[in-house]
């Protein structure tokens, strides 16, 4: 949270583009109240003029294999045991291309705030947004 304040809310903040996996919005961490606060915090960040947030629905994409952060001419790629910083032009260019194609799979930017607020409300009230599925026992 301190890092977010230092970076996103400073006098001349950088331009930031975040892609959030939609399934993570349903994955409870810390309880319902924490999840509701997280959704509202994401919505507030998405409303900043220098921040863009998009939600990635459950789609298969080569960029789903690991998390990564891009900054100018470098990319930090994370995996379960650590990460690696790439600075060679070919790798940075390839990952930038994947990021662009990933953005194309995302929900529209204009939908994000509404979706996050709806998720915050659902977490606050305990409403389930999951689609009920029939099992062998109920079919």
N, C-alpha and C. Protein backbone atom coordinates (compact mmCIF):
# COMPACT_ATOMS: atom_id res chain seq x y z
N UNK A 1 0.83 -1.18 0.00
CA UNK A 1 0.00 0.00 0.00
C UNK A 1 0.88 1.26 0.00
N UNK A 2 1.96 1.21 0.77
CA UNK A 2 2.86 2.37 0.79
C UNK A 2 3.47 2.61 -0.59
N UNK A 3 3.87 1.54 -1.26
CA UNK A 3 4.45 1.67 -2.60
C UNK A 3 3.42 2.26 -3.57
N UNK A 4 2.17 1.82 -3.47
CA UNK A 4 1.13 2.36 -4.34
C UNK A 4 0.98 3.86 -4.10
N UNK A 5 0.98 4.26 -2.84
CA UNK A 5 0.86 5.69 -2.52
C UNK A 5 2.03 6.47 -3.10
N UNK A 6 3.25 5.94 -2.93
CA UNK A 6 4.45 6.64 -3.43
C UNK A 6 4.46 6.75 -4.95
N UNK A 7 3.96 5.73 -5.63
CA UNK A 7 4.05 5.70 -7.09
C UNK A 7 2.81 6.31 -7.75
N UNK A 8 1.63 5.82 -7.43
CA UNK A 8 0.42 6.23 -8.14
C UNK A 8 -0.12 7.59 -7.74
N UNK A 9 0.18 8.03 -6.51
CA UNK A 9 -0.40 9.28 -6.01
C UNK A 9 0.61 10.41 -5.88
N UNK A 10 1.80 10.25 -6.44
CA UNK A 10 2.80 11.33 -6.36
C UNK A 10 2.43 12.45 -7.33
N UNK A 11 3.17 13.54 -7.26
CA UNK A 11 2.86 14.73 -8.07
C UNK A 11 2.88 14.44 -9.57
N UNK A 12 3.84 13.67 -10.03
CA UNK A 12 3.94 13.34 -11.46
C UNK A 12 3.98 11.82 -11.61
N UNK A 13 2.83 11.15 -11.45
CA UNK A 13 2.84 9.68 -11.46
C UNK A 13 3.06 9.12 -12.86
N UNK A 14 3.64 7.92 -12.92
CA UNK A 14 3.82 7.29 -14.24
C UNK A 14 2.49 6.77 -14.76
N UNK A 15 2.43 6.51 -16.03
CA UNK A 15 1.27 5.88 -16.65
C UNK A 15 1.34 4.39 -16.31
N UNK A 16 0.27 3.83 -15.80
CA UNK A 16 0.26 2.41 -15.41
C UNK A 16 -0.94 1.71 -16.01
N UNK A 17 -0.73 0.50 -16.52
CA UNK A 17 -1.79 -0.31 -17.12
C UNK A 17 -1.76 -1.66 -16.44
N UNK A 18 -2.86 -2.01 -15.80
CA UNK A 18 -2.96 -3.26 -15.06
C UNK A 18 -4.00 -4.17 -15.69
N UNK A 19 -3.68 -5.44 -15.77
CA UNK A 19 -4.65 -6.44 -16.21
C UNK A 19 -4.87 -7.38 -15.03
N UNK A 20 -6.14 -7.50 -14.64
CA UNK A 20 -6.52 -8.32 -13.49
C UNK A 20 -7.27 -9.54 -13.99
N UNK A 21 -6.85 -10.70 -13.56
CA UNK A 21 -7.53 -11.94 -13.91
C UNK A 21 -8.91 -11.95 -13.25
N UNK A 22 -9.96 -12.07 -14.03
CA UNK A 22 -11.32 -12.03 -13.47
C UNK A 22 -11.54 -13.10 -12.41
N UNK A 23 -10.94 -14.25 -12.59
CA UNK A 23 -11.13 -15.31 -11.60
C UNK A 23 -10.59 -14.91 -10.23
N UNK A 24 -9.59 -14.03 -10.19
CA UNK A 24 -9.05 -13.59 -8.90
C UNK A 24 -10.06 -12.73 -8.13
N UNK A 25 -11.02 -12.15 -8.82
CA UNK A 25 -12.05 -11.35 -8.15
C UNK A 25 -13.00 -12.23 -7.34
N UNK A 26 -13.03 -13.51 -7.65
CA UNK A 26 -13.90 -14.46 -6.95
C UNK A 26 -13.15 -15.26 -5.88
N UNK A 27 -11.83 -15.20 -5.87
CA UNK A 27 -11.01 -16.02 -4.98
C UNK A 27 -10.86 -15.31 -3.64
N UNK A 28 -11.51 -15.83 -2.62
CA UNK A 28 -11.53 -15.18 -1.31
C UNK A 28 -10.18 -15.26 -0.61
N UNK A 29 -9.70 -14.08 -0.22
CA UNK A 29 -8.47 -13.98 0.57
C UNK A 29 -8.74 -12.97 1.67
N UNK A 30 -8.71 -13.41 2.92
CA UNK A 30 -8.88 -12.49 4.04
C UNK A 30 -10.30 -12.24 4.48
N UNK A 31 -11.27 -12.88 3.89
CA UNK A 31 -12.66 -12.71 4.31
C UNK A 31 -13.42 -11.75 3.41
N UNK A 32 -14.75 -11.75 3.60
CA UNK A 32 -15.64 -10.96 2.74
C UNK A 32 -15.37 -9.46 2.82
N UNK A 33 -15.17 -8.94 4.04
CA UNK A 33 -14.94 -7.50 4.19
C UNK A 33 -13.64 -7.07 3.51
N UNK A 34 -12.61 -7.88 3.65
CA UNK A 34 -11.34 -7.58 3.00
C UNK A 34 -11.52 -7.58 1.49
N UNK A 35 -12.23 -8.56 0.98
CA UNK A 35 -12.46 -8.64 -0.47
C UNK A 35 -13.25 -7.43 -0.96
N UNK A 36 -14.27 -7.01 -0.21
CA UNK A 36 -15.06 -5.84 -0.61
C UNK A 36 -14.17 -4.60 -0.65
N UNK A 37 -13.31 -4.44 0.36
CA UNK A 37 -12.39 -3.29 0.38
C UNK A 37 -11.41 -3.36 -0.79
N UNK A 38 -10.93 -4.55 -1.10
CA UNK A 38 -10.00 -4.71 -2.22
C UNK A 38 -10.66 -4.31 -3.54
N UNK A 39 -11.90 -4.73 -3.73
CA UNK A 39 -12.61 -4.38 -4.97
C UNK A 39 -12.78 -2.87 -5.08
N UNK A 40 -13.14 -2.23 -3.97
CA UNK A 40 -13.32 -0.78 -4.00
C UNK A 40 -11.99 -0.06 -4.21
N UNK A 41 -10.93 -0.59 -3.63
CA UNK A 41 -9.61 0.00 -3.83
C UNK A 41 -9.19 -0.11 -5.30
N UNK A 42 -9.43 -1.25 -5.92
CA UNK A 42 -9.13 -1.41 -7.35
C UNK A 42 -9.94 -0.43 -8.18
N UNK A 43 -11.21 -0.25 -7.83
CA UNK A 43 -12.06 0.69 -8.57
C UNK A 43 -11.54 2.12 -8.42
N UNK A 44 -11.09 2.49 -7.22
CA UNK A 44 -10.53 3.82 -6.99
C UNK A 44 -9.26 4.02 -7.81
N UNK A 45 -8.39 3.01 -7.82
CA UNK A 45 -7.15 3.09 -8.60
C UNK A 45 -7.47 3.21 -10.09
N UNK A 46 -8.46 2.44 -10.54
CA UNK A 46 -8.84 2.46 -11.96
C UNK A 46 -9.38 3.83 -12.37
N UNK A 47 -9.90 4.60 -11.43
CA UNK A 47 -10.46 5.91 -11.73
C UNK A 47 -9.40 7.00 -11.80
N UNK A 48 -8.16 6.70 -11.41
CA UNK A 48 -7.09 7.69 -11.49
C UNK A 48 -6.79 8.01 -12.95
N UNK A 49 -6.47 9.24 -13.26
CA UNK A 49 -6.25 9.61 -14.66
C UNK A 49 -5.04 8.94 -15.31
N UNK A 50 -4.09 8.51 -14.52
CA UNK A 50 -2.87 7.90 -15.06
C UNK A 50 -2.91 6.37 -15.02
N UNK A 51 -4.03 5.81 -14.60
CA UNK A 51 -4.14 4.36 -14.42
C UNK A 51 -5.23 3.79 -15.31
N UNK A 52 -4.91 2.67 -15.94
CA UNK A 52 -5.90 1.91 -16.70
C UNK A 52 -5.95 0.51 -16.11
N UNK A 53 -7.13 0.03 -15.84
CA UNK A 53 -7.32 -1.33 -15.33
C UNK A 53 -8.29 -2.03 -16.26
N UNK A 54 -7.92 -3.22 -16.66
CA UNK A 54 -8.81 -4.06 -17.45
C UNK A 54 -8.92 -5.42 -16.79
N UNK A 55 -10.04 -6.07 -17.00
CA UNK A 55 -10.28 -7.40 -16.44
C UNK A 55 -10.20 -8.43 -17.55
N UNK A 56 -9.40 -9.45 -17.29
CA UNK A 56 -9.21 -10.54 -18.25
C UNK A 56 -10.16 -11.68 -17.90
N UNK A 57 -11.13 -11.99 -18.77
CA UNK A 57 -12.00 -13.13 -18.49
C UNK A 57 -11.21 -14.44 -18.58
N UNK A 58 -11.85 -15.52 -18.23
CA UNK A 58 -11.19 -16.84 -18.23
C UNK A 58 -10.96 -17.29 -19.67
N UNK A 59 -9.82 -16.88 -20.23
CA UNK A 59 -9.45 -17.27 -21.58
C UNK A 59 -8.04 -17.86 -21.55
N UNK A 60 -7.77 -18.71 -22.50
CA UNK A 60 -6.42 -19.26 -22.64
C UNK A 60 -5.59 -18.25 -23.42
N UNK A 61 -4.40 -17.98 -22.92
CA UNK A 61 -3.51 -17.03 -23.57
C UNK A 61 -2.08 -17.35 -23.14
N UNK A 62 -1.11 -17.24 -24.05
CA UNK A 62 0.28 -17.55 -23.69
C UNK A 62 0.82 -16.72 -22.53
N UNK A 63 0.31 -15.53 -22.31
CA UNK A 63 0.79 -14.68 -21.22
C UNK A 63 0.28 -15.14 -19.85
N UNK A 64 -0.67 -16.08 -19.82
CA UNK A 64 -1.19 -16.58 -18.55
C UNK A 64 -0.20 -17.45 -17.80
N UNK A 65 0.89 -17.84 -18.44
CA UNK A 65 1.85 -18.76 -17.83
C UNK A 65 2.58 -18.16 -16.64
N UNK A 66 2.72 -16.84 -16.59
CA UNK A 66 3.40 -16.19 -15.47
C UNK A 66 2.99 -14.73 -15.41
N UNK A 67 3.28 -14.12 -14.28
CA UNK A 67 3.03 -12.69 -14.16
C UNK A 67 4.23 -11.92 -14.68
N UNK A 68 3.99 -10.70 -15.15
CA UNK A 68 5.10 -9.89 -15.60
C UNK A 68 4.77 -8.41 -15.47
N UNK A 69 5.83 -7.61 -15.36
CA UNK A 69 5.71 -6.16 -15.28
C UNK A 69 6.65 -5.56 -16.31
N UNK A 70 6.14 -4.61 -17.07
CA UNK A 70 6.95 -3.95 -18.09
C UNK A 70 7.18 -2.50 -17.68
N UNK A 71 8.40 -2.03 -17.95
CA UNK A 71 8.74 -0.63 -17.72
C UNK A 71 9.74 -0.21 -18.78
N UNK A 72 9.31 0.61 -19.69
CA UNK A 72 10.17 1.11 -20.76
C UNK A 72 10.87 -0.02 -21.50
N UNK A 73 12.16 -0.20 -21.26
CA UNK A 73 12.93 -1.19 -22.02
C UNK A 73 13.34 -2.39 -21.18
N UNK A 74 12.55 -2.72 -20.18
CA UNK A 74 12.83 -3.87 -19.32
C UNK A 74 11.53 -4.57 -18.94
N UNK A 75 11.63 -5.87 -18.67
CA UNK A 75 10.48 -6.67 -18.23
C UNK A 75 10.92 -7.56 -17.08
N UNK A 76 10.12 -7.55 -16.01
CA UNK A 76 10.32 -8.45 -14.88
C UNK A 76 9.28 -9.56 -15.02
N UNK A 77 9.75 -10.81 -15.09
CA UNK A 77 8.85 -11.96 -15.24
C UNK A 77 8.94 -12.79 -13.98
N UNK A 78 7.79 -13.10 -13.38
CA UNK A 78 7.74 -13.86 -12.13
C UNK A 78 7.21 -15.26 -12.36
N UNK A 79 7.66 -16.15 -11.51
CA UNK A 79 7.11 -17.50 -11.45
C UNK A 79 7.11 -17.93 -9.99
N UNK A 80 6.69 -19.13 -9.71
CA UNK A 80 6.48 -19.56 -8.34
C UNK A 80 7.76 -19.54 -7.49
N UNK A 81 8.92 -19.69 -8.09
CA UNK A 81 10.17 -19.76 -7.32
C UNK A 81 11.01 -18.49 -7.41
N UNK A 82 10.56 -17.48 -8.11
CA UNK A 82 11.35 -16.26 -8.23
C UNK A 82 10.99 -15.47 -9.46
N UNK A 83 11.99 -14.83 -10.05
CA UNK A 83 11.74 -14.02 -11.22
C UNK A 83 13.03 -13.69 -11.93
N UNK A 84 12.89 -13.01 -13.06
CA UNK A 84 14.07 -12.65 -13.85
C UNK A 84 13.79 -11.34 -14.58
N UNK A 85 14.82 -10.50 -14.65
CA UNK A 85 14.72 -9.24 -15.36
C UNK A 85 15.31 -9.39 -16.75
N UNK A 86 14.49 -9.09 -17.77
CA UNK A 86 14.94 -9.15 -19.16
C UNK A 86 15.14 -7.72 -19.67
N UNK A 87 16.27 -7.49 -20.30
CA UNK A 87 16.53 -6.17 -20.89
C UNK A 87 16.90 -6.24 -22.36
N UNK A 88 17.09 -7.48 -22.88
CA UNK A 88 17.44 -7.57 -24.31
C UNK A 88 16.22 -7.21 -25.16
N UNK A 89 16.48 -6.49 -26.22
CA UNK A 89 15.42 -5.93 -27.05
C UNK A 89 14.45 -6.98 -27.59
N UNK A 90 14.96 -8.15 -28.01
CA UNK A 90 14.10 -9.18 -28.57
C UNK A 90 13.09 -9.72 -27.57
N UNK A 91 13.55 -10.02 -26.36
CA UNK A 91 12.65 -10.55 -25.33
C UNK A 91 11.64 -9.49 -24.90
N UNK A 92 12.11 -8.27 -24.67
CA UNK A 92 11.22 -7.18 -24.26
C UNK A 92 10.16 -6.94 -25.34
N UNK A 93 10.57 -6.95 -26.58
CA UNK A 93 9.64 -6.75 -27.69
C UNK A 93 8.60 -7.87 -27.76
N UNK A 94 9.03 -9.11 -27.59
CA UNK A 94 8.11 -10.26 -27.63
C UNK A 94 7.09 -10.18 -26.49
N UNK A 95 7.55 -9.84 -25.30
CA UNK A 95 6.62 -9.76 -24.17
C UNK A 95 5.68 -8.56 -24.33
N UNK A 96 6.17 -7.46 -24.88
CA UNK A 96 5.30 -6.31 -25.16
C UNK A 96 4.20 -6.69 -26.15
N UNK A 97 4.56 -7.47 -27.15
CA UNK A 97 3.56 -7.96 -28.12
C UNK A 97 2.52 -8.83 -27.41
N UNK A 98 2.97 -9.73 -26.54
CA UNK A 98 2.02 -10.57 -25.80
C UNK A 98 1.10 -9.74 -24.93
N UNK A 99 1.65 -8.68 -24.31
CA UNK A 99 0.82 -7.81 -23.49
C UNK A 99 -0.26 -7.15 -24.35
N UNK A 100 0.13 -6.68 -25.53
CA UNK A 100 -0.85 -6.05 -26.43
C UNK A 100 -1.95 -7.03 -26.83
N UNK A 101 -1.59 -8.27 -27.13
CA UNK A 101 -2.62 -9.26 -27.50
C UNK A 101 -3.46 -9.63 -26.29
N UNK A 102 -2.87 -9.63 -25.11
CA UNK A 102 -3.61 -9.90 -23.89
C UNK A 102 -4.65 -8.82 -23.64
N UNK A 103 -4.28 -7.56 -23.86
CA UNK A 103 -5.24 -6.46 -23.70
C UNK A 103 -6.42 -6.63 -24.63
N UNK A 104 -6.17 -7.19 -25.81
CA UNK A 104 -7.25 -7.42 -26.76
C UNK A 104 -8.26 -8.46 -26.29
N UNK A 105 -7.85 -9.33 -25.38
CA UNK A 105 -8.74 -10.36 -24.84
C UNK A 105 -9.53 -9.86 -23.63
N UNK A 106 -9.17 -8.70 -23.11
CA UNK A 106 -9.78 -8.17 -21.88
C UNK A 106 -11.15 -7.54 -22.12
N UNK A 107 -11.87 -7.40 -21.03
CA UNK A 107 -13.11 -6.63 -21.07
C UNK A 107 -12.75 -5.16 -21.32
N UNK A 108 -13.70 -4.39 -21.83
CA UNK A 108 -13.46 -2.97 -22.11
C UNK A 108 -13.12 -2.22 -20.82
N UNK A 109 -12.29 -1.21 -20.96
CA UNK A 109 -11.89 -0.38 -19.82
C UNK A 109 -13.14 0.23 -19.16
N UNK A 110 -14.10 0.64 -19.95
CA UNK A 110 -15.31 1.28 -19.43
C UNK A 110 -16.16 0.34 -18.57
N UNK A 111 -15.95 -0.96 -18.66
CA UNK A 111 -16.71 -1.92 -17.86
C UNK A 111 -16.09 -2.18 -16.49
N UNK A 112 -14.82 -1.83 -16.33
CA UNK A 112 -14.08 -2.22 -15.14
C UNK A 112 -14.66 -1.67 -13.85
N UNK A 113 -14.88 -0.36 -13.79
CA UNK A 113 -15.39 0.24 -12.55
C UNK A 113 -16.70 -0.37 -12.11
N UNK A 114 -17.61 -0.56 -13.06
CA UNK A 114 -18.92 -1.15 -12.75
C UNK A 114 -18.75 -2.58 -12.23
N UNK A 115 -17.92 -3.36 -12.89
CA UNK A 115 -17.69 -4.74 -12.48
C UNK A 115 -17.09 -4.79 -11.07
N UNK A 116 -16.10 -3.95 -10.80
CA UNK A 116 -15.47 -3.96 -9.48
C UNK A 116 -16.44 -3.53 -8.39
N UNK A 117 -17.27 -2.54 -8.67
CA UNK A 117 -18.27 -2.11 -7.68
C UNK A 117 -19.30 -3.21 -7.43
N UNK A 118 -19.72 -3.89 -8.51
CA UNK A 118 -20.67 -5.00 -8.37
C UNK A 118 -20.06 -6.12 -7.53
N UNK A 119 -18.77 -6.39 -7.76
CA UNK A 119 -18.08 -7.43 -6.99
C UNK A 119 -17.94 -7.00 -5.52
N UNK A 120 -17.63 -5.73 -5.29
CA UNK A 120 -17.52 -5.22 -3.92
C UNK A 120 -18.83 -5.40 -3.18
N UNK A 121 -19.93 -5.04 -3.83
CA UNK A 121 -21.26 -5.19 -3.22
C UNK A 121 -21.56 -6.66 -2.93
N UNK A 122 -21.24 -7.52 -3.87
CA UNK A 122 -21.50 -8.95 -3.67
C UNK A 122 -20.69 -9.49 -2.50
N UNK A 123 -19.42 -9.10 -2.40
CA UNK A 123 -18.61 -9.56 -1.28
C UNK A 123 -19.14 -9.00 0.04
N UNK A 124 -19.58 -7.74 0.03
CA UNK A 124 -20.08 -7.11 1.25
C UNK A 124 -21.34 -7.81 1.75
N UNK A 125 -22.24 -8.15 0.84
CA UNK A 125 -23.53 -8.73 1.24
C UNK A 125 -23.51 -10.25 1.32
N UNK A 126 -22.49 -10.87 0.77
CA UNK A 126 -22.43 -12.33 0.75
C UNK A 126 -23.16 -12.94 -0.43
N UNK A 127 -23.60 -12.09 -1.35
CA UNK A 127 -24.29 -12.57 -2.55
C UNK A 127 -23.30 -13.35 -3.42
N UNK A 128 -23.74 -14.43 -3.97
CA UNK A 128 -22.88 -15.21 -4.86
C UNK A 128 -23.12 -14.79 -6.30
N UNK A 129 -22.03 -14.48 -6.99
CA UNK A 129 -22.13 -14.14 -8.40
C UNK A 129 -21.78 -15.33 -9.28
N UNK A 130 -21.52 -16.45 -8.63
CA UNK A 130 -21.19 -17.65 -9.39
C UNK A 130 -22.46 -18.23 -10.00
N UNK A 131 -22.33 -18.80 -11.15
CA UNK A 131 -23.45 -19.43 -11.82
C UNK A 131 -23.61 -20.84 -11.25
N UNK A 132 -24.77 -21.15 -10.69
CA UNK A 132 -24.95 -22.49 -10.14
C UNK A 132 -24.85 -23.55 -11.25
N UNK A 133 -24.16 -24.60 -10.96
CA UNK A 133 -24.06 -25.69 -11.93
C UNK A 133 -24.70 -26.92 -11.34
N UNK A 134 -25.23 -27.73 -12.23
CA UNK A 134 -25.87 -28.95 -11.79
C UNK A 134 -24.80 -30.01 -11.62
N UNK A 135 -24.96 -30.79 -10.60
CA UNK A 135 -24.07 -31.92 -10.37
C UNK A 135 -24.83 -33.18 -10.67
N UNK A 136 -24.15 -34.31 -10.61
CA UNK A 136 -24.82 -35.59 -10.85
C UNK A 136 -25.96 -35.81 -9.86
N UNK A 137 -25.77 -35.31 -8.63
CA UNK A 137 -26.78 -35.50 -7.61
C UNK A 137 -28.03 -34.65 -7.85
N UNK A 138 -27.90 -33.51 -8.52
CA UNK A 138 -29.04 -32.62 -8.74
C UNK A 138 -29.57 -32.66 -10.15
N UNK A 139 -28.93 -33.39 -11.02
CA UNK A 139 -29.36 -33.43 -12.43
C UNK A 139 -30.60 -34.28 -12.61
